[in-house]
Amino acid sequence: MSNQQQPQQQTQNNKEKHPMLDPTACKDLKDRHDQCFYKWYSNSFLKGNTSAECQEEWEEYQVCIKDKLKAWNLEYLLEKNKELQQKNNNK
């Protein structure tokens, strides 16, 4: 029983140290964006309206993800992605 509680306790300690270490961080923002996107897709896009919607939700979610990558010391992935995009744009 104590073995089952240990990972939970460790996760709780990580949340207290840095909320971005919580695996569910950004989930609410993702859900909010997904709801907006699916509504826009079915109610607007499929009817020919291609105006950009849900931009605010998308940007908030992206900021959260970037903060999470930084908290996990994975921000080098953002730089790698940027480099790959630049290479692809130059082709």
PDB file of N, CA and C in Angstrom:
ATOM      1  N   MET A   1       0.815  -1.191   0.000  1.00  0.00           N
ATOM      2  CA  MET A   1       0.000   0.000   0.000  1.00  0.00           C
ATOM      3  C   MET A   1       0.860   1.257   0.000  1.00  0.00           C
ATOM      4  N   SER A   2       1.933   1.264   0.751  1.00  0.00           N
ATOM      5  CA  SER A   2       2.794   2.447   0.779  1.00  0.00           C
ATOM      6  C   SER A   2       3.468   2.671  -0.570  1.00  0.00           C
ATOM      7  N   ASN A   3       3.702   1.591  -1.341  1.00  0.00           N
ATOM      8  CA  ASN A   3       4.282   1.743  -2.673  1.00  0.00           C
ATOM      9  C   ASN A   3       3.342   2.486  -3.609  1.00  0.00           C
ATOM     10  N   GLN A   4       2.032   2.279  -3.453  1.00  0.00           N
ATOM     11  CA  GLN A   4       1.064   2.982  -4.286  1.00  0.00           C
ATOM     12  C   GLN A   4       0.970   4.448  -3.898  1.00  0.00           C
ATOM     13  N   GLN A   5       1.142   4.758  -2.658  1.00  0.00           N
ATOM     14  CA  GLN A   5       1.020   6.134  -2.206  1.00  0.00           C
ATOM     15  C   GLN A   5       2.258   6.949  -2.549  1.00  0.00           C
ATOM     16  N   GLN A   6       3.386   6.322  -2.662  1.00  0.00           N
ATOM     17  CA  GLN A   6       4.617   7.053  -2.898  1.00  0.00           C
ATOM     18  C   GLN A   6       4.596   7.853  -4.206  1.00  0.00           C
ATOM     19  N   PRO A   7       4.245   7.266  -5.369  1.00  0.00           N
ATOM     20  CA  PRO A   7       4.192   8.068  -6.592  1.00  0.00           C
ATOM     21  C   PRO A   7       3.187   9.209  -6.500  1.00  0.00           C
ATOM     22  N   GLN A   8       2.043   8.959  -5.847  1.00  0.00           N
ATOM     23  CA  GLN A   8       1.061  10.021  -5.666  1.00  0.00           C
ATOM     24  C   GLN A   8       1.642  11.150  -4.834  1.00  0.00           C
ATOM     25  N   GLN A   9       2.338  10.804  -3.773  1.00  0.00           N
ATOM     26  CA  GLN A   9       2.949  11.815  -2.917  1.00  0.00           C
ATOM     27  C   GLN A   9       3.995  12.598  -3.690  1.00  0.00           C
ATOM     28  N   GLN A  10       4.779  11.902  -4.500  1.00  0.00           N
ATOM     29  CA  GLN A  10       5.812  12.569  -5.293  1.00  0.00           C
ATOM     30  C   GLN A  10       5.173  13.536  -6.282  1.00  0.00           C
ATOM     31  N   THR A  11       4.098  13.124  -6.936  1.00  0.00           N
ATOM     32  CA  THR A  11       3.389  13.997  -7.867  1.00  0.00           C
ATOM     33  C   THR A  11       2.861  15.218  -7.140  1.00  0.00           C
ATOM     34  N   GLN A  12       2.289  15.026  -5.959  1.00  0.00           N
ATOM     35  CA  GLN A  12       1.781  16.148  -5.177  1.00  0.00           C
ATOM     36  C   GLN A  12       2.908  17.102  -4.806  1.00  0.00           C
ATOM     37  N   ASN A  13       4.054  16.570  -4.413  1.00  0.00           N
ATOM     38  CA  ASN A  13       5.194  17.420  -4.077  1.00  0.00           C
ATOM     39  C   ASN A  13       5.664  18.207  -5.291  1.00  0.00           C
ATOM     40  N   ASN A  14       5.679  17.581  -6.471  1.00  0.00           N
ATOM     41  CA  ASN A  14       6.073  18.279  -7.690  1.00  0.00           C
ATOM     42  C   ASN A  14       5.121  19.421  -8.005  1.00  0.00           C
ATOM     43  N   LYS A  15       3.821  19.204  -7.810  1.00  0.00           N
ATOM     44  CA  LYS A  15       2.830  20.247  -8.070  1.00  0.00           C
ATOM     45  C   LYS A  15       3.082  21.446  -7.170  1.00  0.00           C
ATOM     46  N   GLU A  16       3.414  21.166  -5.914  1.00  0.00           N
ATOM     47  CA  GLU A  16       3.643  22.245  -4.971  1.00  0.00           C
ATOM     48  C   GLU A  16       4.913  23.014  -5.320  1.00  0.00           C
ATOM     49  N   LYS A  17       5.943  22.309  -5.795  1.00  0.00           N
ATOM     50  CA  LYS A  17       7.188  22.972  -6.161  1.00  0.00           C
ATOM     51  C   LYS A  17       7.003  23.830  -7.402  1.00  0.00           C
ATOM     52  N   HIS A  18       6.376  23.282  -8.399  1.00  0.00           N
ATOM     53  CA  HIS A  18       6.166  24.002  -9.647  1.00  0.00           C
ATOM     54  C   HIS A  18       4.907  23.460 -10.307  1.00  0.00           C
ATOM     55  N   PRO A  19       3.874  24.284 -10.453  1.00  0.00           N
ATOM     56  CA  PRO A  19       2.614  23.786 -11.004  1.00  0.00           C
ATOM     57  C   PRO A  19       2.745  23.228 -12.420  1.00  0.00           C
ATOM     58  N   MET A  20       3.741  23.659 -13.175  1.00  0.00           N
ATOM     59  CA  MET A  20       3.912  23.161 -14.535  1.00  0.00           C
ATOM     60  C   MET A  20       4.430  21.719 -14.568  1.00  0.00           C
ATOM     61  N   LEU A  21       4.877  21.207 -13.430  1.00  0.00           N
ATOM     62  CA  LEU A  21       5.298  19.812 -13.377  1.00  0.00           C
ATOM     63  C   LEU A  21       4.096  18.878 -13.250  1.00  0.00           C
ATOM     64  N   ASP A  22       2.950  19.448 -12.992  1.00  0.00           N
ATOM     65  CA  ASP A  22       1.711  18.678 -12.934  1.00  0.00           C
ATOM     66  C   ASP A  22       1.373  18.198 -14.350  1.00  0.00           C
ATOM     67  N   PRO A  23       1.224  16.890 -14.544  1.00  0.00           N
ATOM     68  CA  PRO A  23       0.933  16.375 -15.886  1.00  0.00           C
ATOM     69  C   PRO A  23      -0.359  16.928 -16.490  1.00  0.00           C
ATOM     70  N   THR A  24      -1.286  17.388 -15.653  1.00  0.00           N
ATOM     71  CA  THR A  24      -2.549  17.911 -16.172  1.00  0.00           C
ATOM     72  C   THR A  24      -2.505  19.413 -16.436  1.00  0.00           C
ATOM     73  N   ALA A  25      -1.354  20.041 -16.203  1.00  0.00           N
ATOM     74  CA  ALA A  25      -1.235  21.469 -16.488  1.00  0.00           C
ATOM     75  C   ALA A  25      -1.555  21.694 -17.958  1.00  0.00           C
ATOM     76  N   CYS A  26      -2.274  22.710 -18.258  1.00  0.00           N
ATOM     77  CA  CYS A  26      -2.674  23.116 -19.612  1.00  0.00           C
ATOM     78  C   CYS A  26      -3.903  22.365 -20.115  1.00  0.00           C
ATOM     79  N   LYS A  27      -4.357  21.350 -19.413  1.00  0.00           N
ATOM     80  CA  LYS A  27      -5.493  20.560 -19.900  1.00  0.00           C
ATOM     81  C   LYS A  27      -6.751  21.408 -20.052  1.00  0.00           C
ATOM     82  N   ASP A  28      -7.033  22.272 -19.089  1.00  0.00           N
ATOM     83  CA  ASP A  28      -8.223  23.118 -19.180  1.00  0.00           C
ATOM     84  C   ASP A  28      -8.147  24.036 -20.398  1.00  0.00           C
ATOM     85  N   LEU A  29      -6.953  24.579 -20.645  1.00  0.00           N
ATOM     86  CA  LEU A  29      -6.785  25.453 -21.807  1.00  0.00           C
ATOM     87  C   LEU A  29      -6.938  24.672 -23.107  1.00  0.00           C
ATOM     88  N   LYS A  30      -6.424  23.458 -23.137  1.00  0.00           N
ATOM     89  CA  LYS A  30      -6.568  22.622 -24.330  1.00  0.00           C
ATOM     90  C   LYS A  30      -8.037  22.298 -24.562  1.00  0.00           C
ATOM     91  N   ASP A  31      -8.739  21.928 -23.507  1.00  0.00           N
ATOM     92  CA  ASP A  31     -10.160  21.606 -23.630  1.00  0.00           C
ATOM     93  C   ASP A  31     -10.948  22.819 -24.129  1.00  0.00           C
ATOM     94  N   ARG A  32     -10.613  23.995 -23.603  1.00  0.00           N
ATOM     95  CA  ARG A  32     -11.287  25.227 -24.024  1.00  0.00           C
ATOM     96  C   ARG A  32     -11.048  25.492 -25.510  1.00  0.00           C
ATOM     97  N   HIS A  33      -9.794  25.333 -25.940  1.00  0.00           N
ATOM     98  CA  HIS A  33      -9.486  25.533 -27.359  1.00  0.00           C
ATOM     99  C   HIS A  33     -10.197  24.490 -28.216  1.00  0.00           C
ATOM    100  N   ASP A  34     -10.159  23.234 -27.800  1.00  0.00           N
ATOM    101  CA  ASP A  34     -10.799  22.172 -28.579  1.00  0.00           C
ATOM    102  C   ASP A  34     -12.293  22.428 -28.752  1.00  0.00           C
ATOM    103  N   GLN A  35     -12.962  22.842 -27.687  1.00  0.00           N
ATOM    104  CA  GLN A  35     -14.395  23.138 -27.771  1.00  0.00           C
ATOM    105  C   GLN A  35     -14.651  24.258 -28.771  1.00  0.00           C
ATOM    106  N   CYS A  36     -13.857  25.309 -28.688  1.00  0.00           N
ATOM    107  CA  CYS A  36     -14.002  26.435 -29.603  1.00  0.00           C
ATOM    108  C   CYS A  36     -13.746  25.985 -31.036  1.00  0.00           C
ATOM    109  N   PHE A  37     -12.678  25.225 -31.232  1.00  0.00           N
ATOM    110  CA  PHE A  37     -12.314  24.775 -32.573  1.00  0.00           C
ATOM    111  C   PHE A  37     -13.411  23.910 -33.190  1.00  0.00           C
ATOM    112  N   TYR A  38     -13.905  22.927 -32.447  1.00  0.00           N
ATOM    113  CA  TYR A  38     -14.929  22.029 -32.991  1.00  0.00           C
ATOM    114  C   TYR A  38     -16.218  22.789 -33.312  1.00  0.00           C
ATOM    115  N   LYS A  39     -16.550  23.747 -32.467  1.00  0.00           N
ATOM    116  CA  LYS A  39     -17.730  24.575 -32.730  1.00  0.00           C
ATOM    117  C   LYS A  39     -17.513  25.394 -34.002  1.00  0.00           C
ATOM    118  N   TRP A  40     -16.360  26.043 -34.121  1.00  0.00           N
ATOM    119  CA  TRP A  40     -16.040  26.828 -35.318  1.00  0.00           C
ATOM    120  C   TRP A  40     -16.019  25.945 -36.560  1.00  0.00           C
ATOM    121  N   TYR A  41     -15.392  24.793 -36.462  1.00  0.00           N
ATOM    122  CA  TYR A  41     -15.257  23.900 -37.612  1.00  0.00           C
ATOM    123  C   TYR A  41     -16.626  23.485 -38.157  1.00  0.00           C
ATOM    124  N   SER A  42     -17.515  23.066 -37.270  1.00  0.00           N
ATOM    125  CA  SER A  42     -18.813  22.576 -37.740  1.00  0.00           C
ATOM    126  C   SER A  42     -19.784  23.705 -38.072  1.00  0.00           C
ATOM    127  N   ASN A  43     -19.731  24.812 -37.336  1.00  0.00           N
ATOM    128  CA  ASN A  43     -20.698  25.890 -37.546  1.00  0.00           C
ATOM    129  C   ASN A  43     -20.242  26.944 -38.547  1.00  0.00           C
ATOM    130  N   SER A  44     -18.952  27.052 -38.797  1.00  0.00           N
ATOM    131  CA  SER A  44     -18.459  28.099 -39.692  1.00  0.00           C
ATOM    132  C   SER A  44     -17.671  27.533 -40.862  1.00  0.00           C
ATOM    133  N   PHE A  45     -16.602  26.851 -40.577  1.00  0.00           N
ATOM    134  CA  PHE A  45     -15.689  26.396 -41.628  1.00  0.00           C
ATOM    135  C   PHE A  45     -16.385  25.515 -42.663  1.00  0.00           C
ATOM    136  N   LEU A  46     -17.152  24.551 -42.212  1.00  0.00           N
ATOM    137  CA  LEU A  46     -17.835  23.646 -43.147  1.00  0.00           C
ATOM    138  C   LEU A  46     -18.911  24.356 -43.968  1.00  0.00           C
ATOM    139  N   LYS A  47     -19.273  25.566 -43.543  1.00  0.00           N
ATOM    140  CA  LYS A  47     -20.259  26.359 -44.291  1.00  0.00           C
ATOM    141  C   LYS A  47     -19.582  27.431 -45.140  1.00  0.00           C
ATOM    142  N   GLY A  48     -18.248  27.352 -45.238  1.00  0.00           N
ATOM    143  CA  GLY A  48     -17.521  28.261 -46.115  1.00  0.00           C
ATOM    144  C   GLY A  48     -16.916  29.481 -45.453  1.00  0.00           C
ATOM    145  N   ASN A  49     -17.159  29.684 -44.177  1.00  0.00           N
ATOM    146  CA  ASN A  49     -16.585  30.829 -43.471  1.00  0.00           C
ATOM    147  C   ASN A  49     -15.220  30.427 -42.921  1.00  0.00           C
ATOM    148  N   THR A  50     -14.173  30.968 -43.514  1.00  0.00           N
ATOM    149  CA  THR A  50     -12.816  30.583 -43.104  1.00  0.00           C
ATOM    150  C   THR A  50     -12.157  31.628 -42.214  1.00  0.00           C
ATOM    151  N   SER A  51     -12.944  32.548 -41.665  1.00  0.00           N
ATOM    152  CA  SER A  51     -12.362  33.560 -40.779  1.00  0.00           C
ATOM    153  C   SER A  51     -11.745  32.886 -39.553  1.00  0.00           C
ATOM    154  N   ALA A  52     -10.663  33.470 -39.098  1.00  0.00           N
ATOM    155  CA  ALA A  52      -9.942  32.899 -37.948  1.00  0.00           C
ATOM    156  C   ALA A  52     -10.744  33.131 -36.668  1.00  0.00           C
ATOM    157  N   GLU A  53     -11.002  32.074 -35.980  1.00  0.00           N
ATOM    158  CA  GLU A  53     -11.642  32.140 -34.667  1.00  0.00           C
ATOM    159  C   GLU A  53     -10.809  31.293 -33.715  1.00  0.00           C
ATOM    160  N   CYS A  54     -11.047  31.429 -32.452  1.00  0.00           N
ATOM    161  CA  CYS A  54     -10.370  30.630 -31.420  1.00  0.00           C
ATOM    162  C   CYS A  54      -8.892  30.996 -31.277  1.00  0.00           C
ATOM    163  N   GLN A  55      -8.478  32.118 -31.844  1.00  0.00           N
ATOM    164  CA  GLN A  55      -7.075  32.514 -31.777  1.00  0.00           C
ATOM    165  C   GLN A  55      -6.636  32.768 -30.336  1.00  0.00           C
ATOM    166  N   GLU A  56      -7.481  33.427 -29.569  1.00  0.00           N
ATOM    167  CA  GLU A  56      -7.147  33.721 -28.167  1.00  0.00           C
ATOM    168  C   GLU A  56      -6.942  32.432 -27.374  1.00  0.00           C
ATOM    169  N   GLU A  57      -7.835  31.477 -27.566  1.00  0.00           N
ATOM    170  CA  GLU A  57      -7.731  30.197 -26.867  1.00  0.00           C
ATOM    171  C   GLU A  57      -6.462  29.458 -27.277  1.00  0.00           C
ATOM    172  N   TRP A  58      -6.151  29.509 -28.579  1.00  0.00           N
ATOM    173  CA  TRP A  58      -4.953  28.843 -29.089  1.00  0.00           C
ATOM    174  C   TRP A  58      -3.694  29.460 -28.485  1.00  0.00           C
ATOM    175  N   GLU A  59      -3.625  30.785 -28.455  1.00  0.00           N
ATOM    176  CA  GLU A  59      -2.437  31.465 -27.935  1.00  0.00           C
ATOM    177  C   GLU A  59      -2.240  31.192 -26.450  1.00  0.00           C
ATOM    178  N   GLU A  60      -3.328  31.192 -25.681  1.00  0.00           N
ATOM    179  CA  GLU A  60      -3.224  30.889 -24.248  1.00  0.00           C
ATOM    180  C   GLU A  60      -2.704  29.469 -24.034  1.00  0.00           C
ATOM    181  N   TYR A  61      -3.199  28.543 -24.824  1.00  0.00           N
ATOM    182  CA  TYR A  61      -2.762  27.150 -24.721  1.00  0.00           C
ATOM    183  C   TYR A  61      -1.282  27.028 -25.091  1.00  0.00           C
ATOM    184  N   GLN A  62      -0.853  27.694 -26.145  1.00  0.00           N
ATOM    185  CA  GLN A  62       0.539  27.635 -26.579  1.00  0.00           C
ATOM    186  C   GLN A  62       1.483  28.213 -25.526  1.00  0.00           C
ATOM    187  N   VAL A  63       1.090  29.311 -24.889  1.00  0.00           N
ATOM    188  CA  VAL A  63       1.909  29.899 -23.824  1.00  0.00           C
ATOM    189  C   VAL A  63       2.066  28.897 -22.686  1.00  0.00           C
ATOM    190  N   CYS A  64       0.990  28.241 -22.334  1.00  0.00           N
ATOM    191  CA  CYS A  64       1.035  27.247 -21.258  1.00  0.00           C
ATOM    192  C   CYS A  64       1.967  26.096 -21.623  1.00  0.00           C
ATOM    193  N   ILE A  65       1.857  25.594 -22.842  1.00  0.00           N
ATOM    194  CA  ILE A  65       2.711  24.486 -23.286  1.00  0.00           C
ATOM    195  C   ILE A  65       4.180  24.907 -23.272  1.00  0.00           C
ATOM    196  N   LYS A  66       4.461  26.106 -23.732  1.00  0.00           N
ATOM    197  CA  LYS A  66       5.853  26.586 -23.735  1.00  0.00           C
ATOM    198  C   LYS A  66       6.383  26.704 -22.313  1.00  0.00           C
ATOM    199  N   ASP A  67       5.548  27.207 -21.405  1.00  0.00           N
ATOM    200  CA  ASP A  67       5.954  27.295 -19.996  1.00  0.00           C
ATOM    201  C   ASP A  67       6.203  25.904 -19.420  1.00  0.00           C
ATOM    202  N   LYS A  68       5.370  24.963 -19.810  1.00  0.00           N
ATOM    203  CA  LYS A  68       5.526  23.587 -19.327  1.00  0.00           C
ATOM    204  C   LYS A  68       6.833  22.988 -19.839  1.00  0.00           C
ATOM    205  N   LEU A  69       7.151  23.205 -21.107  1.00  0.00           N
ATOM    206  CA  LEU A  69       8.417  22.709 -21.658  1.00  0.00           C
ATOM    207  C   LEU A  69       9.608  23.309 -20.915  1.00  0.00           C
ATOM    208  N   LYS A  70       9.514  24.588 -20.589  1.00  0.00           N
ATOM    209  CA  LYS A  70      10.600  25.237 -19.841  1.00  0.00           C
ATOM    210  C   LYS A  70      10.737  24.622 -18.449  1.00  0.00           C
ATOM    211  N   ALA A  71       9.609  24.363 -17.801  1.00  0.00           N
ATOM    212  CA  ALA A  71       9.641  23.774 -16.457  1.00  0.00           C
ATOM    213  C   ALA A  71      10.266  22.384 -16.472  1.00  0.00           C
ATOM    214  N   TRP A  72      10.089  21.665 -17.558  1.00  0.00           N
ATOM    215  CA  TRP A  72      10.645  20.316 -17.695  1.00  0.00           C
ATOM    216  C   TRP A  72      12.033  20.345 -18.333  1.00  0.00           C
ATOM    217  N   ASN A  73      12.587  21.541 -18.519  1.00  0.00           N
ATOM    218  CA  ASN A  73      13.898  21.714 -19.171  1.00  0.00           C
ATOM    219  C   ASN A  73      13.920  21.107 -20.571  1.00  0.00           C
ATOM    220  N   LEU A  74      12.844  21.310 -21.296  1.00  0.00           N
ATOM    221  CA  LEU A  74      12.727  20.791 -22.658  1.00  0.00           C
ATOM    222  C   LEU A  74      12.576  21.915 -23.687  1.00  0.00           C
ATOM    223  N   GLU A  75      12.920  23.129 -23.282  1.00  0.00           N
ATOM    224  CA  GLU A  75      12.722  24.247 -24.201  1.00  0.00           C
ATOM    225  C   GLU A  75      13.609  24.148 -25.441  1.00  0.00           C
ATOM    226  N   TYR A  76      14.651  23.315 -25.391  1.00  0.00           N
ATOM    227  CA  TYR A  76      15.480  23.114 -26.582  1.00  0.00           C
ATOM    228  C   TYR A  76      14.635  22.550 -27.724  1.00  0.00           C
ATOM    229  N   LEU A  77      13.544  21.862 -27.397  1.00  0.00           N
ATOM    230  CA  LEU A  77      12.650  21.337 -28.431  1.00  0.00           C
ATOM    231  C   LEU A  77      11.995  22.468 -29.220  1.00  0.00           C
ATOM    232  N   LEU A  78      11.698  23.567 -28.535  1.00  0.00           N
ATOM    233  CA  LEU A  78      11.124  24.723 -29.223  1.00  0.00           C
ATOM    234  C   LEU A  78      12.113  25.295 -30.226  1.00  0.00           C
ATOM    235  N   GLU A  79      13.374  25.374 -29.806  1.00  0.00           N
ATOM    236  CA  GLU A  79      14.412  25.891 -30.705  1.00  0.00           C
ATOM    237  C   GLU A  79      14.618  24.963 -31.895  1.00  0.00           C
ATOM    238  N   LYS A  80      14.641  23.663 -31.651  1.00  0.00           N
ATOM    239  CA  LYS A  80      14.804  22.683 -32.731  1.00  0.00           C
ATOM    240  C   LYS A  80      13.659  22.807 -33.734  1.00  0.00           C
ATOM    241  N   ASN A  81      12.453  22.939 -33.215  1.00  0.00           N
ATOM    242  CA  ASN A  81      11.285  23.077 -34.075  1.00  0.00           C
ATOM    243  C   ASN A  81      11.384  24.345 -34.921  1.00  0.00           C
ATOM    244  N   LYS A  82      11.819  25.430 -34.308  1.00  0.00           N
ATOM    245  CA  LYS A  82      11.973  26.691 -35.034  1.00  0.00           C
ATOM    246  C   LYS A  82      13.005  26.541 -36.155  1.00  0.00           C
ATOM    247  N   GLU A  83      14.111  25.871 -35.868  1.00  0.00           N
ATOM    248  CA  GLU A  83      15.147  25.630 -36.881  1.00  0.00           C
ATOM    249  C   GLU A  83      14.595  24.811 -38.045  1.00  0.00           C
ATOM    250  N   LEU A  84      13.849  23.759 -37.734  1.00  0.00           N
ATOM    251  CA  LEU A  84      13.268  22.911 -38.782  1.00  0.00           C
ATOM    252  C   LEU A  84      12.279  23.687 -39.647  1.00  0.00           C
ATOM    253  N   GLN A  85      11.489  24.533 -39.022  1.00  0.00           N
ATOM    254  CA  GLN A  85      10.533  25.347 -39.778  1.00  0.00           C
ATOM    255  C   GLN A  85      11.260  26.299 -40.720  1.00  0.00           C
ATOM    256  N   GLN A  86      12.346  26.908 -40.239  1.00  0.00           N
ATOM    257  CA  GLN A  86      13.110  27.821 -41.086  1.00  0.00           C
ATOM    258  C   GLN A  86      13.731  27.078 -42.260  1.00  0.00           C
ATOM    259  N   LYS A  87      14.262  25.887 -42.016  1.00  0.00           N
ATOM    260  CA  LYS A  87      14.830  25.082 -43.101  1.00  0.00           C
ATOM    261  C   LYS A  87      13.771  24.755 -44.146  1.00  0.00           C
ATOM    262  N   ASN A  88      12.602  24.342 -43.681  1.00  0.00           N
ATOM    263  CA  ASN A  88      11.517  23.983 -44.600  1.00  0.00           C
ATOM    264  C   ASN A  88      11.018  25.188 -45.386  1.00  0.00           C
ATOM    265  N   ASN A  89      11.015  26.353 -44.775  1.00  0.00           N
ATOM    266  CA  ASN A  89      10.572  27.567 -45.462  1.00  0.00           C
ATOM    267  C   ASN A  89      11.574  28.018 -46.514  1.00  0.00           C
ATOM    268  N   ASN A  90      12.836  27.673 -46.337  1.00  0.00           N
ATOM    269  CA  ASN A  90      13.883  28.074 -47.281  1.00  0.00           C
ATOM    270  C   ASN A  90      13.998  27.129 -48.470  1.00  0.00           C
ATOM    271  N   LYS A  91      13.274  26.035 -48.468  1.00  0.00           N
ATOM    272  CA  LYS A  91      13.351  25.064 -49.578  1.00  0.00           C
ATOM    273  C   LYS A  91      12.588  25.546 -50.783  1.00  0.00           C
TER     274      LYS A  91
END
